[in-house]
Amino acid sequence: MPEKEPFISMLQRARERLRREGILSLLLQCLTRVGIRVSPFYYMKESLPPRPPGGTGSLPGGYEFSAFGLDDVRHIGTLPERRHYVDPGYVLRNFNKGDLCFGIKFRGEIVAFTWVSLKECREIFHHAAMLGNEAYLHDMYVLKAFRGRNLAPVLRYKTYEILHGMGRDTYYSITEYFNASSSRFKQKLNATPVFLGVYIELFKTW
């Protein structure tokens, strides 16, 4: 029979988790276990900065930014590390609805990507139509093996540049309240919150 963890060790581990994640995050995780999901989020407004903030204007050697076509989109749908929360049909639905996909490749292999809708934000908990000068940016993703290399802000900035050339100068996105990495790269590009919202799901009904 395995030996029980000493109470002092359990207490220290609990304190460390509380310090790292915060009491609100832990409380919301407890609610999720009983079928109540509460997810605070920021609806963010973004725009092309007058000049690239430090390190966002160019990619290192071997990396290439481009618009992705159908073959690239299909490949994204098969990435093993995304299967636990996105089904393969999701990316094809985005593509068929007219969303644009931009990304970064390293030596020909996809390492990061993001989606853009010129029509609407269609999240289940917030719907908003885009005006002729606006775009909604969603599903920014950097593969785990390539994180920590400043790819997210570079991809974002280059996406801004493409959209600005299309006459779209105002961009919106959603950032989960506890998603520190997403907040950091958007802050680097001077994104600002429009409002703080809360998504509440009670026993799989929002």
Protein backbone atom coordinates (compact mmCIF):
# COMPACT_ATOMS: atom_id res chain seq x y z
CA MET A 1 0.00 0.00 0.00
CA PRO A 2 1.54 3.38 -1.02
CA GLU A 3 2.65 5.61 1.84
CA LYS A 4 0.49 8.69 2.38
CA GLU A 5 1.99 12.11 1.63
CA PRO A 6 2.92 13.93 4.87
CA PHE A 7 0.49 16.71 5.81
CA ILE A 8 3.29 19.34 5.81
CA SER A 9 4.23 18.41 2.24
CA MET A 10 0.61 18.61 1.15
CA LEU A 11 0.27 22.03 2.78
CA GLN A 12 3.44 23.32 1.13
CA ARG A 13 2.30 22.05 -2.27
CA ALA A 14 -1.10 23.73 -1.78
CA ARG A 15 0.57 27.03 -0.84
CA GLU A 16 2.85 26.88 -3.88
CA ARG A 17 -0.09 26.24 -6.21
CA LEU A 18 -2.04 29.08 -4.58
CA ARG A 19 0.91 31.44 -5.09
CA ARG A 20 1.37 30.35 -8.70
CA GLU A 21 -2.26 30.28 -9.86
CA GLY A 22 -4.12 32.56 -7.44
CA ILE A 23 -7.17 31.84 -5.32
CA LEU A 24 -9.66 32.85 -8.03
CA SER A 25 -8.19 30.42 -10.55
CA LEU A 26 -8.25 27.57 -8.04
CA LEU A 27 -11.84 28.37 -7.07
CA LEU A 28 -12.96 28.30 -10.70
CA GLN A 29 -11.18 24.95 -11.21
CA CYS A 30 -13.13 23.54 -8.25
CA LEU A 31 -16.41 24.75 -9.76
CA THR A 32 -15.52 23.07 -13.08
CA ARG A 33 -15.28 19.72 -11.30
CA VAL A 34 -18.94 19.96 -10.25
CA GLY A 35 -20.18 20.99 -13.72
CA ILE A 36 -20.00 24.79 -13.40
CA ARG A 37 -17.52 26.48 -15.75
CA VAL A 38 -16.83 30.17 -15.21
CA SER A 39 -14.37 31.67 -17.70
CA PRO A 40 -13.55 35.39 -17.51
CA PHE A 41 -12.18 36.92 -20.71
CA TYR A 42 -11.09 40.23 -22.19
CA TYR A 43 -12.44 41.47 -25.52
CA MET A 44 -9.37 43.20 -26.92
CA LYS A 45 -8.88 45.97 -29.49
CA GLU A 46 -5.69 45.94 -31.58
CA SER A 47 -4.10 47.99 -34.36
CA LEU A 48 -0.91 48.18 -36.39
CA PRO A 49 1.71 50.08 -34.34
CA PRO A 50 3.51 52.96 -36.14
CA ARG A 51 6.72 50.89 -35.99
CA PRO A 52 7.44 47.30 -34.94
CA PRO A 53 7.96 46.99 -31.17
CA GLY A 54 11.29 45.39 -30.26
CA GLY A 55 11.80 42.02 -31.91
CA THR A 56 8.47 41.87 -33.78
CA GLY A 57 9.47 43.21 -37.20
CA SER A 58 11.37 40.24 -38.64
CA LEU A 59 11.88 36.49 -38.34
CA PRO A 60 15.18 34.66 -37.72
CA GLY A 61 16.80 32.73 -40.55
CA GLY A 62 14.96 29.59 -41.61
CA TYR A 63 11.52 31.00 -40.69
CA GLU A 64 9.01 32.23 -43.25
CA PHE A 65 5.64 34.00 -42.90
CA SER A 66 2.86 33.38 -45.45
CA ALA A 67 -0.85 32.99 -46.05
CA PHE A 68 -1.91 29.34 -45.74
CA GLY A 69 -3.92 27.48 -48.34
CA LEU A 70 -6.14 24.42 -48.10
CA ASP A 71 -3.30 21.87 -47.86
CA ASP A 72 -1.74 23.78 -44.94
CA VAL A 73 -5.12 24.08 -43.23
CA ARG A 74 -5.71 20.34 -43.55
CA HIS A 75 -2.30 19.71 -41.99
CA ILE A 76 -3.16 21.97 -39.05
CA GLY A 77 -6.25 19.84 -38.47
CA THR A 78 -4.08 16.76 -37.94
CA LEU A 79 -1.58 18.19 -35.44
CA PRO A 80 -1.43 15.67 -32.54
CA GLU A 81 -0.97 18.27 -29.80
CA ARG A 82 -4.29 19.99 -30.67
CA ARG A 83 -6.48 16.90 -30.84
CA HIS A 84 -7.45 17.04 -27.17
CA TYR A 85 -9.38 20.30 -27.60
CA VAL A 86 -9.98 20.93 -31.34
CA ASP A 87 -11.47 18.44 -33.78
CA PRO A 88 -9.96 18.28 -37.31
CA GLY A 89 -13.16 19.62 -38.88
CA TYR A 90 -12.83 22.91 -36.99
CA VAL A 91 -10.15 24.34 -39.27
CA LEU A 92 -11.98 23.24 -42.41
CA ARG A 93 -15.13 24.96 -41.16
CA ASN A 94 -13.12 28.16 -40.64
CA PHE A 95 -11.70 27.89 -44.16
CA ASN A 96 -15.08 27.18 -45.75
CA LYS A 97 -16.60 30.20 -43.99
CA GLY A 98 -14.04 32.41 -45.69
CA ASP A 99 -11.66 32.94 -42.76
CA LEU A 100 -8.04 33.70 -43.63
CA CYS A 101 -5.19 31.69 -42.15
CA PHE A 102 -1.67 33.11 -41.76
CA GLY A 103 1.30 31.33 -40.30
CA ILE A 104 4.99 30.74 -39.92
CA LYS A 105 6.98 27.80 -41.24
CA PHE A 106 10.44 26.67 -40.20
CA ARG A 107 12.27 24.95 -43.03
CA GLY A 108 8.96 24.20 -44.69
CA GLU A 109 7.19 22.86 -41.59
CA ILE A 110 4.29 24.71 -39.93
CA VAL A 111 5.25 26.00 -36.47
CA ALA A 112 2.67 28.75 -35.80
CA PHE A 113 -0.58 30.05 -37.25
CA THR A 114 -3.57 32.31 -36.64
CA TRP A 115 -7.05 32.78 -38.09
CA VAL A 116 -8.77 35.99 -39.23
CA SER A 117 -12.46 36.58 -39.90
CA LEU A 118 -13.37 39.65 -41.93
CA LYS A 119 -17.05 39.13 -41.14
CA GLU A 120 -17.62 38.45 -37.45
CA CYS A 121 -16.63 37.29 -34.02
CA ARG A 122 -18.72 34.15 -33.68
CA GLU A 123 -17.65 32.84 -30.29
CA ILE A 124 -20.55 31.13 -28.53
CA PHE A 125 -20.39 33.63 -25.65
CA HIS A 126 -19.90 36.78 -27.74
CA HIS A 127 -21.12 37.64 -31.23
CA ALA A 128 -20.08 40.80 -33.07
CA ALA A 129 -20.22 41.77 -36.74
CA MET A 130 -17.09 43.36 -38.21
CA LEU A 131 -17.32 46.69 -40.06
CA GLY A 132 -15.54 47.23 -43.38
CA ASN A 133 -12.33 48.39 -41.64
CA GLU A 134 -12.33 45.69 -38.94
CA ALA A 135 -11.26 42.07 -38.51
CA TYR A 136 -11.54 39.45 -35.79
CA LEU A 137 -8.36 37.53 -34.96
CA HIS A 138 -8.67 34.11 -33.34
CA ASP A 139 -6.98 30.78 -32.62
CA MET A 140 -3.40 32.02 -32.42
CA TYR A 141 -1.25 28.93 -31.86
CA VAL A 142 2.48 28.24 -31.62
CA LEU A 143 3.57 24.59 -31.53
CA LYS A 144 4.99 23.63 -28.15
CA ALA A 145 8.47 22.86 -29.49
CA PHE A 146 8.76 26.43 -30.84
CA ARG A 147 7.43 28.44 -27.90
CA GLY A 148 9.65 31.00 -26.19
CA ARG A 149 11.10 32.21 -29.51
CA ASN A 150 9.01 35.40 -29.88
CA LEU A 151 7.03 33.91 -32.78
CA ALA A 152 3.57 34.95 -31.55
CA PRO A 153 4.15 38.74 -31.60
CA VAL A 154 5.97 38.53 -34.94
CA LEU A 155 3.11 36.54 -36.47
CA ARG A 156 0.61 39.02 -35.04
CA TYR A 157 2.49 42.04 -36.35
CA LYS A 158 2.85 40.59 -39.84
CA THR A 159 -0.86 39.72 -39.85
CA TYR A 160 -1.61 43.35 -38.95
CA GLU A 161 0.47 44.47 -41.92
CA ILE A 162 -1.44 42.26 -44.36
CA LEU A 163 -4.81 43.38 -43.01
CA HIS A 164 -3.79 47.04 -43.02
CA GLY A 165 -2.95 46.68 -46.71
CA MET A 166 -6.50 45.39 -47.23
CA GLY A 167 -7.97 48.52 -45.62
CA ARG A 168 -8.58 46.83 -42.26
CA ASP A 169 -7.07 48.99 -39.51
CA THR A 170 -8.96 47.86 -36.40
CA TYR A 171 -8.75 44.32 -35.00
CA TYR A 172 -10.51 42.49 -32.19
CA SER A 173 -9.66 39.34 -30.29
CA ILE A 174 -10.51 37.47 -27.11
CA THR A 175 -7.98 36.72 -24.38
CA GLU A 176 -8.82 34.38 -21.52
CA TYR A 177 -8.30 36.15 -18.19
CA PHE A 178 -5.78 33.60 -16.93
CA ASN A 179 -3.90 33.14 -20.21
CA ALA A 180 -0.71 34.96 -19.24
CA SER A 181 1.22 34.16 -22.44
CA SER A 182 -1.54 35.55 -24.66
CA SER A 183 -1.75 38.70 -22.54
CA ARG A 184 2.01 39.24 -22.72
CA PHE A 185 2.36 39.13 -26.50
CA LYS A 186 -0.69 41.39 -27.00
CA GLN A 187 0.65 43.90 -24.46
CA LYS A 188 3.89 43.97 -26.43
CA LEU A 189 1.82 45.17 -29.42
CA ASN A 190 -0.14 47.72 -27.34
CA ALA A 191 -3.50 45.92 -27.47
CA THR A 192 -6.14 47.37 -25.10
CA PRO A 193 -9.16 45.74 -23.43
CA VAL A 194 -12.61 46.88 -24.59
CA PHE A 195 -14.43 45.07 -21.79
CA LEU A 196 -14.10 42.24 -19.29
CA GLY A 197 -16.70 39.52 -19.83
CA VAL A 198 -17.55 36.22 -18.18
CA TYR A 199 -18.59 33.00 -19.90
CA ILE A 200 -20.67 30.77 -17.60
CA GLU A 201 -21.54 27.17 -18.42
CA LEU A 202 -23.91 25.24 -16.15
CA PHE A 203 -23.83 21.49 -16.76
CA LYS A 204 -22.86 21.93 -20.45
CA THR A 205 -25.41 24.72 -21.06
CA TRP A 206 -24.07 28.28 -21.39
